[in-house]
Amino acid sequence: MSQEVEQLVKMVNQIADNFSFHDDAVDRIADHLQRFWAPSMQTKLIEHDRVHGAELKPAAREALARLAVE
């Protein structure tokens, strides 16, 4: 895993932790990524998840899956 992707994984997991106390955590994570992350960052994480998603928290993976469909 590249250092850039490693950093993106770390950041999205931190976002997932911050929203984990909300019932709509996945929605909030997806919204945050869509509003504040460049499309290239989102794409790198979505591609990484397809191959090596184990490093991602479940809520982060679900949020990325939603973005991948949009």
PDB file of N, CA and C in Angstrom:
ATOM      1  N   MET A   1       0.857  -1.169   0.000  1.00  0.00           N
ATOM      2  CA  MET A   1       0.000   0.000   0.000  1.00  0.00           C
ATOM      3  C   MET A   1       0.904   1.233   0.000  1.00  0.00           C
ATOM      4  N   SER A   2       0.563   2.184  -0.857  1.00  0.00           N
ATOM      5  CA  SER A   2       1.371   3.402  -0.930  1.00  0.00           C
ATOM      6  C   SER A   2       1.186   4.223   0.344  1.00  0.00           C
ATOM      7  N   GLN A   3       2.127   5.090   0.588  1.00  0.00           N
ATOM      8  CA  GLN A   3       2.058   5.932   1.774  1.00  0.00           C
ATOM      9  C   GLN A   3       0.832   6.857   1.700  1.00  0.00           C
ATOM     10  N   GLU A   4       0.502   7.320   0.495  1.00  0.00           N
ATOM     11  CA  GLU A   4      -0.662   8.178   0.321  1.00  0.00           C
ATOM     12  C   GLU A   4      -1.949   7.441   0.687  1.00  0.00           C
ATOM     13  N   VAL A   5      -2.111   6.239   0.180  1.00  0.00           N
ATOM     14  CA  VAL A   5      -3.315   5.458   0.484  1.00  0.00           C
ATOM     15  C   VAL A   5      -3.345   5.105   1.962  1.00  0.00           C
ATOM     16  N   GLU A   6      -2.216   4.789   2.531  1.00  0.00           N
ATOM     17  CA  GLU A   6      -2.140   4.485   3.962  1.00  0.00           C
ATOM     18  C   GLU A   6      -2.651   5.673   4.785  1.00  0.00           C
ATOM     19  N   GLN A   7      -2.275   6.883   4.376  1.00  0.00           N
ATOM     20  CA  GLN A   7      -2.723   8.085   5.079  1.00  0.00           C
ATOM     21  C   GLN A   7      -4.230   8.300   4.892  1.00  0.00           C
ATOM     22  N   LEU A   8      -4.733   8.041   3.691  1.00  0.00           N
ATOM     23  CA  LEU A   8      -6.168   8.178   3.434  1.00  0.00           C
ATOM     24  C   LEU A   8      -6.967   7.190   4.277  1.00  0.00           C
ATOM     25  N   VAL A   9      -6.478   5.969   4.396  1.00  0.00           N
ATOM     26  CA  VAL A   9      -7.134   4.950   5.223  1.00  0.00           C
ATOM     27  C   VAL A   9      -7.179   5.419   6.678  1.00  0.00           C
ATOM     28  N   LYS A  10      -6.070   5.928   7.149  1.00  0.00           N
ATOM     29  CA  LYS A  10      -6.000   6.417   8.528  1.00  0.00           C
ATOM     30  C   LYS A  10      -7.017   7.544   8.741  1.00  0.00           C
ATOM     31  N   MET A  11      -7.084   8.481   7.798  1.00  0.00           N
ATOM     32  CA  MET A  11      -7.996   9.617   7.944  1.00  0.00           C
ATOM     33  C   MET A  11      -9.457   9.185   7.896  1.00  0.00           C
ATOM     34  N   VAL A  12      -9.814   8.306   6.953  1.00  0.00           N
ATOM     35  CA  VAL A  12     -11.225   7.897   6.865  1.00  0.00           C
ATOM     36  C   VAL A  12     -11.629   7.081   8.091  1.00  0.00           C
ATOM     37  N   ASN A  13     -10.714   6.324   8.645  1.00  0.00           N
ATOM     38  CA  ASN A  13     -11.015   5.585   9.879  1.00  0.00           C
ATOM     39  C   ASN A  13     -11.215   6.544  11.057  1.00  0.00           C
ATOM     40  N   GLN A  14     -10.457   7.629  11.088  1.00  0.00           N
ATOM     41  CA  GLN A  14     -10.642   8.630  12.134  1.00  0.00           C
ATOM     42  C   GLN A  14     -12.007   9.312  11.992  1.00  0.00           C
ATOM     43  N   ILE A  15     -12.395   9.596  10.753  1.00  0.00           N
ATOM     44  CA  ILE A  15     -13.717  10.181  10.504  1.00  0.00           C
ATOM     45  C   ILE A  15     -14.796   9.210  10.970  1.00  0.00           C
ATOM     46  N   ALA A  16     -14.625   7.942  10.652  1.00  0.00           N
ATOM     47  CA  ALA A  16     -15.589   6.922  11.083  1.00  0.00           C
ATOM     48  C   ALA A  16     -15.678   6.878  12.613  1.00  0.00           C
ATOM     49  N   ASP A  17     -14.555   6.966  13.283  1.00  0.00           N
ATOM     50  CA  ASP A  17     -14.556   6.990  14.751  1.00  0.00           C
ATOM     51  C   ASP A  17     -15.316   8.211  15.281  1.00  0.00           C
ATOM     52  N   ASN A  18     -15.090   9.365  14.653  1.00  0.00           N
ATOM     53  CA  ASN A  18     -15.740  10.598  15.114  1.00  0.00           C
ATOM     54  C   ASN A  18     -17.257  10.545  14.963  1.00  0.00           C
ATOM     55  N   PHE A  19     -17.739   9.873  13.938  1.00  0.00           N
ATOM     56  CA  PHE A  19     -19.176   9.802  13.699  1.00  0.00           C
ATOM     57  C   PHE A  19     -19.814   8.528  14.267  1.00  0.00           C
ATOM     58  N   SER A  20     -19.038   7.682  14.888  1.00  0.00           N
ATOM     59  CA  SER A  20     -19.530   6.367  15.320  1.00  0.00           C
ATOM     60  C   SER A  20     -20.646   6.443  16.358  1.00  0.00           C
ATOM     61  N   PHE A  21     -20.787   7.555  17.020  1.00  0.00           N
ATOM     62  CA  PHE A  21     -21.801   7.688  18.064  1.00  0.00           C
ATOM     63  C   PHE A  21     -23.154   8.121  17.518  1.00  0.00           C
ATOM     64  N   HIS A  22     -23.234   8.350  16.223  1.00  0.00           N
ATOM     65  CA  HIS A  22     -24.476   8.780  15.590  1.00  0.00           C
ATOM     66  C   HIS A  22     -25.165   7.593  14.926  1.00  0.00           C
ATOM     67  N   ASP A  23     -26.470   7.579  14.983  1.00  0.00           N
ATOM     68  CA  ASP A  23     -27.228   6.510  14.331  1.00  0.00           C
ATOM     69  C   ASP A  23     -27.041   6.524  12.821  1.00  0.00           C
ATOM     70  N   ASP A  24     -26.792   7.701  12.264  1.00  0.00           N
ATOM     71  CA  ASP A  24     -26.610   7.840  10.820  1.00  0.00           C
ATOM     72  C   ASP A  24     -25.142   8.040  10.446  1.00  0.00           C
ATOM     73  N   ALA A  25     -24.261   7.329  11.133  1.00  0.00           N
ATOM     74  CA  ALA A  25     -22.822   7.496  10.946  1.00  0.00           C
ATOM     75  C   ALA A  25     -22.402   7.297   9.494  1.00  0.00           C
ATOM     76  N   VAL A  26     -22.914   6.278   8.848  1.00  0.00           N
ATOM     77  CA  VAL A  26     -22.514   6.003   7.461  1.00  0.00           C
ATOM     78  C   VAL A  26     -22.906   7.167   6.556  1.00  0.00           C
ATOM     79  N   ASP A  27     -24.104   7.697   6.753  1.00  0.00           N
ATOM     80  CA  ASP A  27     -24.538   8.856   5.963  1.00  0.00           C
ATOM     81  C   ASP A  27     -23.618  10.050   6.192  1.00  0.00           C
ATOM     82  N   ARG A  28     -23.265  10.274   7.440  1.00  0.00           N
ATOM     83  CA  ARG A  28     -22.396  11.408   7.780  1.00  0.00           C
ATOM     84  C   ARG A  28     -20.998  11.242   7.187  1.00  0.00           C
ATOM     85  N   ILE A  29     -20.479  10.030   7.223  1.00  0.00           N
ATOM     86  CA  ILE A  29     -19.151   9.773   6.644  1.00  0.00           C
ATOM     87  C   ILE A  29     -19.196  10.012   5.143  1.00  0.00           C
ATOM     88  N   ALA A  30     -20.185   9.453   4.474  1.00  0.00           N
ATOM     89  CA  ALA A  30     -20.308   9.621   3.028  1.00  0.00           C
ATOM     90  C   ALA A  30     -20.457  11.099   2.667  1.00  0.00           C
ATOM     91  N   ASP A  31     -21.274  11.819   3.424  1.00  0.00           N
ATOM     92  CA  ASP A  31     -21.459  13.246   3.172  1.00  0.00           C
ATOM     93  C   ASP A  31     -20.152  14.008   3.348  1.00  0.00           C
ATOM     94  N   HIS A  32     -19.438  13.706   4.412  1.00  0.00           N
ATOM     95  CA  HIS A  32     -18.156  14.367   4.667  1.00  0.00           C
ATOM     96  C   HIS A  32     -17.175  14.112   3.518  1.00  0.00           C
ATOM     97  N   LEU A  33     -17.064  12.865   3.110  1.00  0.00           N
ATOM     98  CA  LEU A  33     -16.136  12.537   2.030  1.00  0.00           C
ATOM     99  C   LEU A  33     -16.529  13.232   0.733  1.00  0.00           C
ATOM    100  N   GLN A  34     -17.808  13.262   0.458  1.00  0.00           N
ATOM    101  CA  GLN A  34     -18.286  13.879  -0.783  1.00  0.00           C
ATOM    102  C   GLN A  34     -18.066  15.392  -0.767  1.00  0.00           C
ATOM    103  N   ARG A  35     -18.266  16.013   0.374  1.00  0.00           N
ATOM    104  CA  ARG A  35     -18.152  17.478   0.442  1.00  0.00           C
ATOM    105  C   ARG A  35     -16.725  17.977   0.583  1.00  0.00           C
ATOM    106  N   PHE A  36     -15.874  17.234   1.281  1.00  0.00           N
ATOM    107  CA  PHE A  36     -14.567  17.772   1.637  1.00  0.00           C
ATOM    108  C   PHE A  36     -13.366  17.061   1.014  1.00  0.00           C
ATOM    109  N   TRP A  37     -13.567  15.905   0.427  1.00  0.00           N
ATOM    110  CA  TRP A  37     -12.456  15.162  -0.158  1.00  0.00           C
ATOM    111  C   TRP A  37     -12.506  15.281  -1.672  1.00  0.00           C
ATOM    112  N   ALA A  38     -11.363  15.450  -2.260  1.00  0.00           N
ATOM    113  CA  ALA A  38     -11.273  15.507  -3.717  1.00  0.00           C
ATOM    114  C   ALA A  38     -11.735  14.175  -4.306  1.00  0.00           C
ATOM    115  N   PRO A  39     -12.363  14.216  -5.484  1.00  0.00           N
ATOM    116  CA  PRO A  39     -12.782  12.966  -6.127  1.00  0.00           C
ATOM    117  C   PRO A  39     -11.628  11.965  -6.290  1.00  0.00           C
ATOM    118  N   SER A  40     -10.429  12.458  -6.542  1.00  0.00           N
ATOM    119  CA  SER A  40      -9.286  11.550  -6.692  1.00  0.00           C
ATOM    120  C   SER A  40      -8.981  10.803  -5.391  1.00  0.00           C
ATOM    121  N   MET A  41      -9.171  11.470  -4.271  1.00  0.00           N
ATOM    122  CA  MET A  41      -8.955  10.817  -2.975  1.00  0.00           C
ATOM    123  C   MET A  41     -10.008   9.736  -2.750  1.00  0.00           C
ATOM    124  N   GLN A  42     -11.246  10.069  -3.074  1.00  0.00           N
ATOM    125  CA  GLN A  42     -12.329   9.104  -2.933  1.00  0.00           C
ATOM    126  C   GLN A  42     -12.074   7.879  -3.812  1.00  0.00           C
ATOM    127  N   THR A  43     -11.676   8.129  -5.050  1.00  0.00           N
ATOM    128  CA  THR A  43     -11.420   7.046  -6.004  1.00  0.00           C
ATOM    129  C   THR A  43     -10.305   6.133  -5.519  1.00  0.00           C
ATOM    130  N   LYS A  44      -9.240   6.711  -4.998  1.00  0.00           N
ATOM    131  CA  LYS A  44      -8.122   5.897  -4.495  1.00  0.00           C
ATOM    132  C   LYS A  44      -8.586   4.987  -3.367  1.00  0.00           C
ATOM    133  N   LEU A  45      -9.412   5.514  -2.475  1.00  0.00           N
ATOM    134  CA  LEU A  45      -9.899   4.686  -1.368  1.00  0.00           C
ATOM    135  C   LEU A  45     -10.873   3.620  -1.848  1.00  0.00           C
ATOM    136  N   ILE A  46     -11.740   3.973  -2.779  1.00  0.00           N
ATOM    137  CA  ILE A  46     -12.696   2.999  -3.316  1.00  0.00           C
ATOM    138  C   ILE A  46     -11.941   1.859  -3.991  1.00  0.00           C
ATOM    139  N   GLU A  47     -10.928   2.185  -4.783  1.00  0.00           N
ATOM    140  CA  GLU A  47     -10.116   1.153  -5.447  1.00  0.00           C
ATOM    141  C   GLU A  47      -9.360   0.314  -4.420  1.00  0.00           C
ATOM    142  N   HIS A  48      -8.826   0.961  -3.411  1.00  0.00           N
ATOM    143  CA  HIS A  48      -8.112   0.233  -2.365  1.00  0.00           C
ATOM    144  C   HIS A  48      -9.062  -0.722  -1.637  1.00  0.00           C
ATOM    145  N   ASP A  49     -10.272  -0.253  -1.365  1.00  0.00           N
ATOM    146  CA  ASP A  49     -11.251  -1.084  -0.652  1.00  0.00           C
ATOM    147  C   ASP A  49     -11.595  -2.338  -1.440  1.00  0.00           C
ATOM    148  N   ARG A  50     -11.665  -2.229  -2.746  1.00  0.00           N
ATOM    149  CA  ARG A  50     -12.000  -3.392  -3.575  1.00  0.00           C
ATOM    150  C   ARG A  50     -10.957  -4.497  -3.462  1.00  0.00           C
ATOM    151  N   VAL A  51      -9.716  -4.111  -3.185  1.00  0.00           N
ATOM    152  CA  VAL A  51      -8.628  -5.089  -3.125  1.00  0.00           C
ATOM    153  C   VAL A  51      -8.207  -5.406  -1.687  1.00  0.00           C
ATOM    154  N   HIS A  52      -8.099  -4.366  -0.858  1.00  0.00           N
ATOM    155  CA  HIS A  52      -7.544  -4.527   0.496  1.00  0.00           C
ATOM    156  C   HIS A  52      -8.399  -3.819   1.538  1.00  0.00           C
ATOM    157  N   GLY A  53      -9.668  -4.032   1.561  1.00  0.00           N
ATOM    158  CA  GLY A  53     -10.545  -3.278   2.448  1.00  0.00           C
ATOM    159  C   GLY A  53     -10.450  -3.600   3.920  1.00  0.00           C
ATOM    160  N   ALA A  54      -9.672  -4.578   4.286  1.00  0.00           N
ATOM    161  CA  ALA A  54      -9.641  -5.024   5.681  1.00  0.00           C
ATOM    162  C   ALA A  54      -9.178  -3.931   6.643  1.00  0.00           C
ATOM    163  N   GLU A  55      -8.401  -2.964   6.154  1.00  0.00           N
ATOM    164  CA  GLU A  55      -7.890  -1.917   7.035  1.00  0.00           C
ATOM    165  C   GLU A  55      -8.959  -0.886   7.373  1.00  0.00           C
ATOM    166  N   LEU A  56     -10.053  -0.892   6.632  1.00  0.00           N
ATOM    167  CA  LEU A  56     -11.090   0.119   6.820  1.00  0.00           C
ATOM    168  C   LEU A  56     -12.129  -0.331   7.837  1.00  0.00           C
ATOM    169  N   LYS A  57     -12.579   0.616   8.637  1.00  0.00           N
ATOM    170  CA  LYS A  57     -13.654   0.332   9.595  1.00  0.00           C
ATOM    171  C   LYS A  57     -14.927   0.050   8.803  1.00  0.00           C
ATOM    172  N   PRO A  58     -15.819  -0.797   9.327  1.00  0.00           N
ATOM    173  CA  PRO A  58     -17.029  -1.166   8.590  1.00  0.00           C
ATOM    174  C   PRO A  58     -17.860   0.027   8.105  1.00  0.00           C
ATOM    175  N   ALA A  59     -18.032   1.039   8.945  1.00  0.00           N
ATOM    176  CA  ALA A  59     -18.826   2.207   8.543  1.00  0.00           C
ATOM    177  C   ALA A  59     -18.140   2.963   7.406  1.00  0.00           C
ATOM    178  N   ALA A  60     -16.821   3.030   7.439  1.00  0.00           N
ATOM    179  CA  ALA A  60     -16.076   3.692   6.360  1.00  0.00           C
ATOM    180  C   ALA A  60     -16.233   2.917   5.056  1.00  0.00           C
ATOM    181  N   ARG A  61     -16.169   1.596   5.133  1.00  0.00           N
ATOM    182  CA  ARG A  61     -16.344   0.766   3.933  1.00  0.00           C
ATOM    183  C   ARG A  61     -17.733   0.957   3.338  1.00  0.00           C
ATOM    184  N   GLU A  62     -18.746   0.995   4.188  1.00  0.00           N
ATOM    185  CA  GLU A  62     -20.111   1.168   3.698  1.00  0.00           C
ATOM    186  C   GLU A  62     -20.293   2.549   3.053  1.00  0.00           C
ATOM    187  N   ALA A  63     -19.712   3.566   3.673  1.00  0.00           N
ATOM    188  CA  ALA A  63     -19.800   4.916   3.102  1.00  0.00           C
ATOM    189  C   ALA A  63     -19.117   4.970   1.740  1.00  0.00           C
ATOM    190  N   LEU A  64     -17.962   4.342   1.620  1.00  0.00           N
ATOM    191  CA  LEU A  64     -17.262   4.303   0.332  1.00  0.00           C
ATOM    192  C   LEU A  64     -18.063   3.536  -0.716  1.00  0.00           C
ATOM    193  N   ALA A  65     -18.705   2.475  -0.288  1.00  0.00           N
ATOM    194  CA  ALA A  65     -19.541   1.706  -1.226  1.00  0.00           C
ATOM    195  C   ALA A  65     -20.681   2.570  -1.757  1.00  0.00           C
ATOM    196  N   ARG A  66     -21.241   3.405  -0.910  1.00  0.00           N
ATOM    197  CA  ARG A  66     -22.310   4.309  -1.355  1.00  0.00           C
ATOM    198  C   ARG A  66     -21.768   5.313  -2.368  1.00  0.00           C
ATOM    199  N   LEU A  67     -20.586   5.845  -2.105  1.00  0.00           N
ATOM    200  CA  LEU A  67     -20.002   6.806  -3.035  1.00  0.00           C
ATOM    201  C   LEU A  67     -19.655   6.162  -4.359  1.00  0.00           C
ATOM    202  N   ALA A  68     -19.267   4.909  -4.318  1.00  0.00           N
ATOM    203  CA  ALA A  68     -18.880   4.203  -5.545  1.00  0.00           C
ATOM    204  C   ALA A  68     -20.076   4.021  -6.472  1.00  0.00           C
ATOM    205  N   VAL A  69     -21.272   3.961  -5.915  1.00  0.00           N
ATOM    206  CA  VAL A  69     -22.466   3.742  -6.704  1.00  0.00           C
ATOM    207  C   VAL A  69     -22.972   5.050  -7.311  1.00  0.00           C
ATOM    208  N   GLU A  70     -22.711   6.157  -6.652  1.00  0.00           N
ATOM    209  CA  GLU A  70     -23.225   7.455  -7.121  1.00  0.00           C
ATOM    210  C   GLU A  70     -22.533   7.932  -8.368  1.00  0.00           C
TER     211      GLU A  70
END
